[in-house]
Structure formats: C-alpha cells, structure tokens
C-alpha cells in the first residue's frame, strides 16, 4: 500500500509541474508577442500584468457633462472634447 501511495503522489506532482510549466510558457509567449492571456485565476475587470501599458489610451473629459472617455471615442470641436455631437452643440454647461 505504501508503494502505491508513493507513486500516486509522484504522478500528481509531475502533472502539477507540467501544468505550471505550460502556464509559464504561455504567459511568457504572450508577453513576448505583446498580448495578454486570461486564466481562470484572473477576475473580470482585473488588470493583467503583461501588456497593461501597451494598450493604454489617454482619457478625456466631456466639457458639458464631465464624463470621462477614451480620446478615440470623444468628439473634438472648438478645442474642447465632448462625449457626443449633441453635447458639442449644447456647449459648456453652466
């Protein structure tokens, strides 16, 4: 019985080691490619370490309502940023 338990523990340890090595290699390859990977341990909304600054975009504030959005989604008009064309027409809120 002792030998069987020993071999079960050895096999489980080997499987765990192979799994950890595969996760390490996948994360390393993703970091080298500039992409991020999602694992079961990552929580929704959590930040990934690899490539977290590569996809960063500056945020701007709507001059009318004050909402913040990525610069690529903002409407630029008259030197100000707006969240929509309607707010650009309304102008700066008082």
PDB file of N, CA and C in Angstrom:
ATOM      1  N   UNK A   1       0.822  -1.196   0.000  1.00  0.00           N
ATOM      2  CA  UNK A   1       0.000   0.000   0.000  1.00  0.00           C
ATOM      3  C   UNK A   1       0.861   1.254   0.000  1.00  0.00           C
ATOM      4  N   UNK A   2       2.006   1.238   0.678  1.00  0.00           N
ATOM      5  CA  UNK A   2       2.897   2.381   0.743  1.00  0.00           C
ATOM      6  C   UNK A   2       3.480   2.745  -0.603  1.00  0.00           C
ATOM      7  N   UNK A   3       3.828   1.708  -1.420  1.00  0.00           N
ATOM      8  CA  UNK A   3       4.387   1.968  -2.746  1.00  0.00           C
ATOM      9  C   UNK A   3       3.345   2.611  -3.664  1.00  0.00           C
ATOM     10  N   UNK A   4       2.106   2.144  -3.585  1.00  0.00           N
ATOM     11  CA  UNK A   4       1.032   2.698  -4.413  1.00  0.00           C
ATOM     12  C   UNK A   4       0.801   4.166  -4.077  1.00  0.00           C
ATOM     13  N   UNK A   5       0.747   4.498  -2.809  1.00  0.00           N
ATOM     14  CA  UNK A   5       0.561   5.881  -2.383  1.00  0.00           C
ATOM     15  C   UNK A   5       1.726   6.755  -2.854  1.00  0.00           C
ATOM     16  N   UNK A   6       2.940   6.238  -2.761  1.00  0.00           N
ATOM     17  CA  UNK A   6       4.121   6.958  -3.230  1.00  0.00           C
ATOM     18  C   UNK A   6       4.003   7.288  -4.714  1.00  0.00           C
ATOM     19  N   UNK A   7       3.634   6.297  -5.539  1.00  0.00           N
ATOM     20  CA  UNK A   7       3.540   6.522  -6.980  1.00  0.00           C
ATOM     21  C   UNK A   7       2.391   7.453  -7.343  1.00  0.00           C
ATOM     22  N   UNK A   8       1.302   7.409  -6.600  1.00  0.00           N
ATOM     23  CA  UNK A   8       0.192   8.343  -6.836  1.00  0.00           C
ATOM     24  C   UNK A   8       0.653   9.772  -6.586  1.00  0.00           C
ATOM     25  N   UNK A   9       1.390   9.965  -5.491  1.00  0.00           N
ATOM     26  CA  UNK A   9       1.906  11.304  -5.177  1.00  0.00           C
ATOM     27  C   UNK A   9       2.894  11.763  -6.232  1.00  0.00           C
ATOM     28  N   UNK A  10       3.759  10.872  -6.716  1.00  0.00           N
ATOM     29  CA  UNK A  10       4.737  11.228  -7.755  1.00  0.00           C
ATOM     30  C   UNK A  10       4.022  11.638  -9.039  1.00  0.00           C
ATOM     31  N   UNK A  11       3.009  10.896  -9.438  1.00  0.00           N
ATOM     32  CA  UNK A  11       2.273  11.211 -10.675  1.00  0.00           C
ATOM     33  C   UNK A  11       1.547  12.549 -10.535  1.00  0.00           C
ATOM     34  N   UNK A  12       0.914  12.784  -9.414  1.00  0.00           N
ATOM     35  CA  UNK A  12       0.204  14.057  -9.201  1.00  0.00           C
ATOM     36  C   UNK A  12       1.192  15.227  -9.209  1.00  0.00           C
ATOM     37  N   UNK A  13       2.336  15.060  -8.566  1.00  0.00           N
ATOM     38  CA  UNK A  13       3.345  16.120  -8.556  1.00  0.00           C
ATOM     39  C   UNK A  13       3.852  16.403  -9.965  1.00  0.00           C
ATOM     40  N   UNK A  14       4.044  15.366 -10.763  1.00  0.00           N
ATOM     41  CA  UNK A  14       4.500  15.547 -12.145  1.00  0.00           C
ATOM     42  C   UNK A  14       3.444  16.284 -12.967  1.00  0.00           C
ATOM     43  N   UNK A  15       2.177  15.942 -12.793  1.00  0.00           N
ATOM     44  CA  UNK A  15       1.110  16.620 -13.533  1.00  0.00           C
ATOM     45  C   UNK A  15       1.020  18.093 -13.150  1.00  0.00           C
ATOM     46  N   UNK A  16       1.162  18.384 -11.872  1.00  0.00           N
ATOM     47  CA  UNK A  16       1.137  19.770 -11.415  1.00  0.00           C
ATOM     48  C   UNK A  16       2.320  20.537 -11.999  1.00  0.00           C
ATOM     49  N   UNK A  17       3.503  19.922 -12.014  1.00  0.00           N
ATOM     50  CA  UNK A  17       4.696  20.580 -12.562  1.00  0.00           C
ATOM     51  C   UNK A  17       4.525  20.868 -14.048  1.00  0.00           C
ATOM     52  N   UNK A  18       3.977  19.924 -14.796  1.00  0.00           N
ATOM     53  CA  UNK A  18       3.753  20.125 -16.238  1.00  0.00           C
ATOM     54  C   UNK A  18       2.752  21.245 -16.461  1.00  0.00           C
ATOM     55  N   UNK A  19       1.697  21.284 -15.669  1.00  0.00           N
ATOM     56  CA  UNK A  19       0.674  22.333 -15.794  1.00  0.00           C
ATOM     57  C   UNK A  19       1.269  23.718 -15.511  1.00  0.00           C
ATOM     58  N   UNK A  20       2.054  23.837 -14.439  1.00  0.00           N
ATOM     59  CA  UNK A  20       2.685  25.117 -14.116  1.00  0.00           C
ATOM     60  C   UNK A  20       3.652  25.555 -15.202  1.00  0.00           C
ATOM     61  N   UNK A  21       4.401  24.616 -15.759  1.00  0.00           N
ATOM     62  CA  UNK A  21       5.328  24.938 -16.839  1.00  0.00           C
ATOM     63  C   UNK A  21       4.583  25.413 -18.086  1.00  0.00           C
ATOM     64  N   UNK A  22       3.456  24.783 -18.403  1.00  0.00           N
ATOM     65  CA  UNK A  22       2.665  25.194 -19.568  1.00  0.00           C
ATOM     66  C   UNK A  22       2.111  26.600 -19.378  1.00  0.00           C
ATOM     67  N   UNK A  23       1.617  26.909 -18.176  1.00  0.00           N
ATOM     68  CA  UNK A  23       1.088  28.256 -17.902  1.00  0.00           C
ATOM     69  C   UNK A  23       2.202  29.286 -17.995  1.00  0.00           C
ATOM     70  N   UNK A  24       3.361  28.965 -17.448  1.00  0.00           N
ATOM     71  CA  UNK A  24       4.505  29.880 -17.507  1.00  0.00           C
ATOM     72  C   UNK A  24       4.910  30.156 -18.949  1.00  0.00           C
ATOM     73  N   UNK A  25       5.001  29.111 -19.764  1.00  0.00           N
ATOM     74  CA  UNK A  25       5.389  29.287 -21.167  1.00  0.00           C
ATOM     75  C   UNK A  25       4.349  30.082 -21.942  1.00  0.00           C
ATOM     76  N   UNK A  26       3.063  29.847 -21.672  1.00  0.00           N
ATOM     77  CA  UNK A  26       2.005  30.587 -22.372  1.00  0.00           C
ATOM     78  C   UNK A  26       2.068  32.070 -22.018  1.00  0.00           C
ATOM     79  N   UNK A  27       2.255  32.383 -20.732  1.00  0.00           N
ATOM     80  CA  UNK A  27       2.346  33.787 -20.321  1.00  0.00           C
ATOM     81  C   UNK A  27       3.601  34.447 -20.869  1.00  0.00           C
ATOM     82  N   UNK A  28       4.702  33.727 -20.926  1.00  0.00           N
ATOM     83  CA  UNK A  28       5.942  34.276 -21.476  1.00  0.00           C
ATOM     84  C   UNK A  28       5.787  34.565 -22.963  1.00  0.00           C
ATOM     85  N   UNK A  29       5.172  33.646 -23.699  1.00  0.00           N
ATOM     86  CA  UNK A  29       4.949  33.855 -25.133  1.00  0.00           C
ATOM     87  C   UNK A  29       3.997  35.021 -25.373  1.00  0.00           C
ATOM     88  N   UNK A  30       2.984  35.157 -24.541  1.00  0.00           N
ATOM     89  CA  UNK A  30       2.040  36.259 -24.688  1.00  0.00           C
ATOM     90  C   UNK A  30       2.735  37.585 -24.424  1.00  0.00           C
ATOM     91  N   UNK A  31       3.612  37.628 -23.427  1.00  0.00           N
ATOM     92  CA  UNK A  31       4.344  38.860 -23.128  1.00  0.00           C
ATOM     93  C   UNK A  31       5.298  39.211 -24.254  1.00  0.00           C
ATOM     94  N   UNK A  32       5.914  38.221 -24.869  1.00  0.00           N
ATOM     95  CA  UNK A  32       6.817  38.465 -25.984  1.00  0.00           C
ATOM     96  C   UNK A  32       6.063  38.992 -27.204  1.00  0.00           C
ATOM     97  N   UNK A  33       4.814  38.551 -27.384  1.00  0.00           N
ATOM     98  CA  UNK A  33       4.001  38.992 -28.519  1.00  0.00           C
ATOM     99  C   UNK A  33       3.256  40.283 -28.243  1.00  0.00           C
ATOM    100  N   UNK A  34       3.279  40.760 -26.995  1.00  0.00           N
ATOM    101  CA  UNK A  34       2.580  41.991 -26.652  1.00  0.00           C
ATOM    102  C   UNK A  34       1.098  41.804 -26.436  1.00  0.00           C
ATOM    103  N   UNK A  35       0.640  40.576 -26.229  1.00  0.00           N
ATOM    104  CA  UNK A  35      -0.771  40.321 -25.972  1.00  0.00           C
ATOM    105  C   UNK A  35      -0.934  39.851 -24.549  1.00  0.00           C
ATOM    106  N   UNK A  36      -2.185  39.803 -24.098  1.00  0.00           N
ATOM    107  CA  UNK A  36      -2.464  39.334 -22.748  1.00  0.00           C
ATOM    108  C   UNK A  36      -3.235  38.033 -22.840  1.00  0.00           C
ATOM    109  N   UNK A  37      -3.119  37.228 -21.804  1.00  0.00           N
ATOM    110  CA  UNK A  37      -3.872  35.986 -21.734  1.00  0.00           C
ATOM    111  C   UNK A  37      -4.767  36.030 -20.519  1.00  0.00           C
ATOM    112  N   UNK A  38      -5.870  35.299 -20.594  1.00  0.00           N
ATOM    113  CA  UNK A  38      -6.799  35.230 -19.480  1.00  0.00           C
ATOM    114  C   UNK A  38      -6.744  33.829 -18.918  1.00  0.00           C
ATOM    115  N   UNK A  39      -6.510  33.717 -17.639  1.00  0.00           N
ATOM    116  CA  UNK A  39      -6.523  32.425 -16.982  1.00  0.00           C
ATOM    117  C   UNK A  39      -7.692  32.371 -16.038  1.00  0.00           C
ATOM    118  N   UNK A  40      -7.955  31.209 -15.503  1.00  0.00           N
ATOM    119  CA  UNK A  40      -9.089  31.046 -14.594  1.00  0.00           C
ATOM    120  C   UNK A  40      -8.897  31.862 -13.326  1.00  0.00           C
ATOM    121  N   UNK A  41      -7.647  32.201 -13.000  1.00  0.00           N
ATOM    122  CA  UNK A  41      -7.398  32.967 -11.781  1.00  0.00           C
ATOM    123  C   UNK A  41      -7.654  34.455 -11.969  1.00  0.00           C
ATOM    124  N   UNK A  42      -7.673  34.941 -13.217  1.00  0.00           N
ATOM    125  CA  UNK A  42      -7.930  36.371 -13.445  1.00  0.00           C
ATOM    126  C   UNK A  42      -9.392  36.662 -13.182  1.00  0.00           C
ATOM    127  N   UNK A  43      -9.647  37.692 -12.422  1.00  0.00           N
ATOM    128  CA  UNK A  43     -11.023  38.086 -12.144  1.00  0.00           C
ATOM    129  C   UNK A  43     -11.469  39.097 -13.201  1.00  0.00           C
ATOM    130  N   UNK A  44     -12.767  39.102 -13.555  1.00  0.00           N
ATOM    131  CA  UNK A  44     -13.240  40.089 -14.513  1.00  0.00           C
ATOM    132  C   UNK A  44     -12.949  41.491 -14.006  1.00  0.00           C
ATOM    133  N   UNK A  45     -12.457  42.322 -14.880  1.00  0.00           N
ATOM    134  CA  UNK A  45     -12.141  43.689 -14.508  1.00  0.00           C
ATOM    135  C   UNK A  45     -10.776  43.837 -13.895  1.00  0.00           C
ATOM    136  N   UNK A  46     -10.079  42.724 -13.662  1.00  0.00           N
ATOM    137  CA  UNK A  46      -8.739  42.792 -13.096  1.00  0.00           C
ATOM    138  C   UNK A  46      -7.739  43.202 -14.154  1.00  0.00           C
ATOM    139  N   UNK A  47      -6.612  43.701 -13.718  1.00  0.00           N
ATOM    140  CA  UNK A  47      -5.601  44.143 -14.659  1.00  0.00           C
ATOM    141  C   UNK A  47      -4.607  43.028 -14.902  1.00  0.00           C
ATOM    142  N   UNK A  48      -4.254  42.846 -16.136  1.00  0.00           N
ATOM    143  CA  UNK A  48      -3.237  41.881 -16.487  1.00  0.00           C
ATOM    144  C   UNK A  48      -1.887  42.572 -16.453  1.00  0.00           C
ATOM    145  N   UNK A  49      -0.880  41.889 -15.983  1.00  0.00           N
ATOM    146  CA  UNK A  49       0.442  42.495 -15.861  1.00  0.00           C
ATOM    147  C   UNK A  49       1.081  42.641 -17.229  1.00  0.00           C
ATOM    148  N   UNK A  50       1.002  41.609 -18.051  1.00  0.00           N
ATOM    149  CA  UNK A  50       1.652  41.628 -19.355  1.00  0.00           C
ATOM    150  C   UNK A  50       0.862  42.512 -20.313  1.00  0.00           C
ATOM    151  N   UNK A  51       1.500  43.523 -20.874  1.00  0.00           N
ATOM    152  CA  UNK A  51       0.873  44.377 -21.873  1.00  0.00           C
ATOM    153  C   UNK A  51      -0.119  45.360 -21.313  1.00  0.00           C
ATOM    154  N   UNK A  52      -0.109  45.630 -20.038  1.00  0.00           N
ATOM    155  CA  UNK A  52      -1.106  46.530 -19.475  1.00  0.00           C
ATOM    156  C   UNK A  52      -0.917  47.967 -19.936  1.00  0.00           C
ATOM    157  N   UNK A  53       0.313  48.383 -20.211  1.00  0.00           N
ATOM    158  CA  UNK A  53       0.537  49.744 -20.674  1.00  0.00           C
ATOM    159  C   UNK A  53       0.608  49.833 -22.190  1.00  0.00           C
ATOM    160  N   UNK A  54       0.720  48.707 -22.864  1.00  0.00           N
ATOM    161  CA  UNK A  54       0.827  48.725 -24.319  1.00  0.00           C
ATOM    162  C   UNK A  54      -0.478  49.191 -24.957  1.00  0.00           C
ATOM    163  N   UNK A  55      -1.614  48.864 -24.347  1.00  0.00           N
ATOM    164  CA  UNK A  55      -2.907  49.219 -24.914  1.00  0.00           C
ATOM    165  C   UNK A  55      -3.535  50.424 -24.225  1.00  0.00           C
ATOM    166  N   UNK A  56      -2.777  51.131 -23.399  1.00  0.00           N
ATOM    167  CA  UNK A  56      -3.315  52.265 -22.661  1.00  0.00           C
ATOM    168  C   UNK A  56      -3.622  53.420 -23.598  1.00  0.00           C
ATOM    169  N   UNK A  57      -4.727  54.088 -23.328  1.00  0.00           N
ATOM    170  CA  UNK A  57      -5.136  55.237 -24.141  1.00  0.00           C
ATOM    171  C   UNK A  57      -5.477  56.374 -23.191  1.00  0.00           C
ATOM    172  N   UNK A  58      -5.172  57.581 -23.592  1.00  0.00           N
ATOM    173  CA  UNK A  58      -5.446  58.714 -22.711  1.00  0.00           C
ATOM    174  C   UNK A  58      -6.956  58.950 -22.630  1.00  0.00           C
ATOM    175  N   UNK A  59      -7.372  59.394 -21.448  1.00  0.00           N
ATOM    176  CA  UNK A  59      -8.777  59.661 -21.194  1.00  0.00           C
ATOM    177  C   UNK A  59      -9.007  61.168 -21.234  1.00  0.00           C
ATOM    178  N   UNK A  60     -10.173  61.560 -21.730  1.00  0.00           N
ATOM    179  CA  UNK A  60     -10.539  62.975 -21.794  1.00  0.00           C
ATOM    180  C   UNK A  60     -11.899  63.157 -21.126  1.00  0.00           C
ATOM    181  N   UNK A  61     -12.200  64.403 -20.785  1.00  0.00           N
ATOM    182  CA  UNK A  61     -13.434  64.723 -20.065  1.00  0.00           C
ATOM    183  C   UNK A  61     -14.348  65.543 -20.970  1.00  0.00           C
ATOM    184  N   UNK A  62     -15.631  65.198 -20.977  1.00  0.00           N
ATOM    185  CA  UNK A  62     -16.618  65.959 -21.742  1.00  0.00           C
ATOM    186  C   UNK A  62     -16.775  67.329 -21.088  1.00  0.00           C
ATOM    187  N   UNK A  63     -16.704  68.385 -21.894  1.00  0.00           N
ATOM    188  CA  UNK A  63     -16.804  69.746 -21.374  1.00  0.00           C
ATOM    189  C   UNK A  63     -18.229  70.071 -20.924  1.00  0.00           C
ATOM    190  N   UNK A  64     -19.219  69.280 -21.337  1.00  0.00           N
ATOM    191  CA  UNK A  64     -20.602  69.551 -20.954  1.00  0.00           C
ATOM    192  C   UNK A  64     -21.024  68.775 -19.704  1.00  0.00           C
ATOM    193  N   UNK A  65     -20.882  67.447 -19.731  1.00  0.00           N
ATOM    194  CA  UNK A  65     -21.399  66.636 -18.622  1.00  0.00           C
ATOM    195  C   UNK A  65     -20.317  66.113 -17.685  1.00  0.00           C
ATOM    196  N   UNK A  66     -19.057  66.195 -18.095  1.00  0.00           N
ATOM    197  CA  UNK A  66     -17.967  65.787 -17.225  1.00  0.00           C
ATOM    198  C   UNK A  66     -17.608  64.320 -17.266  1.00  0.00           C
ATOM    199  N   UNK A  67     -18.277  63.540 -18.098  1.00  0.00           N
ATOM    200  CA  UNK A  67     -17.969  62.120 -18.182  1.00  0.00           C
ATOM    201  C   UNK A  67     -16.587  61.933 -18.818  1.00  0.00           C
ATOM    202  N   UNK A  68     -15.856  60.905 -18.366  1.00  0.00           N
ATOM    203  CA  UNK A  68     -14.550  60.605 -18.932  1.00  0.00           C
ATOM    204  C   UNK A  68     -14.678  59.466 -19.935  1.00  0.00           C
ATOM    205  N   UNK A  69     -13.946  59.569 -21.037  1.00  0.00           N
ATOM    206  CA  UNK A  69     -13.983  58.542 -22.081  1.00  0.00           C
ATOM    207  C   UNK A  69     -12.623  58.479 -22.763  1.00  0.00           C
ATOM    208  N   UNK A  70     -12.344  57.382 -23.488  1.00  0.00           N
ATOM    209  CA  UNK A  70     -11.090  57.319 -24.252  1.00  0.00           C
ATOM    210  C   UNK A  70     -11.065  58.403 -25.323  1.00  0.00           C
ATOM    211  N   UNK A  71      -9.891  58.937 -25.588  1.00  0.00           N
ATOM    212  CA  UNK A  71      -9.757  60.010 -26.572  1.00  0.00           C
ATOM    213  C   UNK A  71     -10.306  59.601 -27.938  1.00  0.00           C
ATOM    214  N   UNK A  72     -10.162  58.326 -28.308  1.00  0.00           N
ATOM    215  CA  UNK A  72     -10.623  57.875 -29.621  1.00  0.00           C
ATOM    216  C   UNK A  72     -12.141  57.917 -29.757  1.00  0.00           C
ATOM    217  N   UNK A  73     -12.878  57.911 -28.639  1.00  0.00           N
ATOM    218  CA  UNK A  73     -14.338  57.956 -28.683  1.00  0.00           C
ATOM    219  C   UNK A  73     -14.895  59.364 -28.520  1.00  0.00           C
ATOM    220  N   UNK A  74     -14.055  60.332 -28.224  1.00  0.00           N
ATOM    221  CA  UNK A  74     -14.516  61.693 -27.965  1.00  0.00           C
ATOM    222  C   UNK A  74     -14.732  62.462 -29.266  1.00  0.00           C
ATOM    223  N   UNK A  75     -15.615  63.458 -29.190  1.00  0.00           N
ATOM    224  CA  UNK A  75     -15.848  64.382 -30.298  1.00  0.00           C
ATOM    225  C   UNK A  75     -15.028  65.634 -29.987  1.00  0.00           C
ATOM    226  N   UNK A  76     -14.125  65.984 -30.895  1.00  0.00           N
ATOM    227  CA  UNK A  76     -13.281  67.164 -30.708  1.00  0.00           C
ATOM    228  C   UNK A  76     -13.880  68.310 -31.516  1.00  0.00           C
ATOM    229  N   UNK A  77     -14.188  69.415 -30.831  1.00  0.00           N
ATOM    230  CA  UNK A  77     -14.790  70.554 -31.504  1.00  0.00           C
ATOM    231  C   UNK A  77     -14.438  71.825 -30.743  1.00  0.00           C
ATOM    232  N   UNK A  78     -13.955  72.816 -31.460  1.00  0.00           N
ATOM    233  CA  UNK A  78     -13.644  74.110 -30.863  1.00  0.00           C
ATOM    234  C   UNK A  78     -12.600  74.036 -29.760  1.00  0.00           C
ATOM    235  N   UNK A  79     -11.701  73.116 -29.835  1.00  0.00           N
ATOM    236  CA  UNK A  79     -10.653  72.987 -28.839  1.00  0.00           C
ATOM    237  C   UNK A  79     -11.072  72.257 -27.579  1.00  0.00           C
ATOM    238  N   UNK A  80     -12.319  71.821 -27.510  1.00  0.00           N
ATOM    239  CA  UNK A  80     -12.815  71.072 -26.356  1.00  0.00           C
ATOM    240  C   UNK A  80     -13.166  69.649 -26.778  1.00  0.00           C
ATOM    241  N   UNK A  81     -13.322  68.793 -25.775  1.00  0.00           N
ATOM    242  CA  UNK A  81     -13.729  67.411 -26.039  1.00  0.00           C
ATOM    243  C   UNK A  81     -15.134  67.209 -25.505  1.00  0.00           C
ATOM    244  N   UNK A  82     -15.912  66.413 -26.236  1.00  0.00           N
ATOM    245  CA  UNK A  82     -17.314  66.180 -25.916  1.00  0.00           C
ATOM    246  C   UNK A  82     -17.596  64.687 -26.020  1.00  0.00           C
ATOM    247  N   UNK A  83     -18.581  64.206 -25.265  1.00  0.00           N
ATOM    248  CA  UNK A  83     -18.923  62.786 -25.328  1.00  0.00           C
ATOM    249  C   UNK A  83     -19.832  62.477 -26.512  1.00  0.00           C
ATOM    250  N   UNK A  84     -20.501  63.482 -27.061  1.00  0.00           N
ATOM    251  CA  UNK A  84     -21.380  63.275 -28.215  1.00  0.00           C
ATOM    252  C   UNK A  84     -21.514  64.577 -28.993  1.00  0.00           C
ATOM    253  N   UNK A  85     -22.039  64.466 -30.199  1.00  0.00           N
ATOM    254  CA  UNK A  85     -22.255  65.661 -31.018  1.00  0.00           C
ATOM    255  C   UNK A  85     -23.323  66.566 -30.385  1.00  0.00           C
ATOM    256  N   UNK A  86     -24.292  65.988 -29.704  1.00  0.00           N
ATOM    257  CA  UNK A  86     -25.335  66.770 -29.043  1.00  0.00           C
ATOM    258  C   UNK A  86     -24.739  67.674 -27.960  1.00  0.00           C
ATOM    259  N   UNK A  87     -23.811  67.121 -27.162  1.00  0.00           N
ATOM    260  CA  UNK A  87     -23.199  67.936 -26.126  1.00  0.00           C
ATOM    261  C   UNK A  87     -22.272  68.994 -26.719  1.00  0.00           C
ATOM    262  N   UNK A  88     -21.696  68.706 -27.873  1.00  0.00           N
ATOM    263  CA  UNK A  88     -20.883  69.718 -28.544  1.00  0.00           C
ATOM    264  C   UNK A  88     -21.759  70.891 -28.987  1.00  0.00           C
ATOM    265  N   UNK A  89     -22.970  70.600 -29.437  1.00  0.00           N
ATOM    266  CA  UNK A  89     -23.901  71.657 -29.842  1.00  0.00           C
ATOM    267  C   UNK A  89     -24.389  72.457 -28.639  1.00  0.00           C
ATOM    268  N   UNK A  90     -24.589  71.779 -27.509  1.00  0.00           N
ATOM    269  CA  UNK A  90     -25.080  72.472 -26.298  1.00  0.00           C
ATOM    270  C   UNK A  90     -24.013  73.363 -25.677  1.00  0.00           C
ATOM    271  N   UNK A  91     -22.758  73.019 -25.856  1.00  0.00           N
ATOM    272  CA  UNK A  91     -21.669  73.836 -25.308  1.00  0.00           C
ATOM    273  C   UNK A  91     -21.343  73.464 -23.862  1.00  0.00           C
ATOM    274  N   UNK A  92     -20.518  74.286 -23.266  1.00  0.00           N
ATOM    275  CA  UNK A  92     -20.071  74.050 -21.907  1.00  0.00           C
ATOM    276  C   UNK A  92     -21.237  74.279 -20.950  1.00  0.00           C
ATOM    277  N   UNK A  93     -21.425  73.359 -20.012  1.00  0.00           N
ATOM    278  CA  UNK A  93     -22.520  73.511 -19.052  1.00  0.00           C
ATOM    279  C   UNK A  93     -22.205  74.612 -18.058  1.00  0.00           C
ATOM    280  N   UNK A  94     -23.234  75.245 -17.583  1.00  0.00           N
ATOM    281  CA  UNK A  94     -23.073  76.377 -16.652  1.00  0.00           C
ATOM    282  C   UNK A  94     -23.104  75.894 -15.237  1.00  0.00           C
TER     283      UNK A  94
END
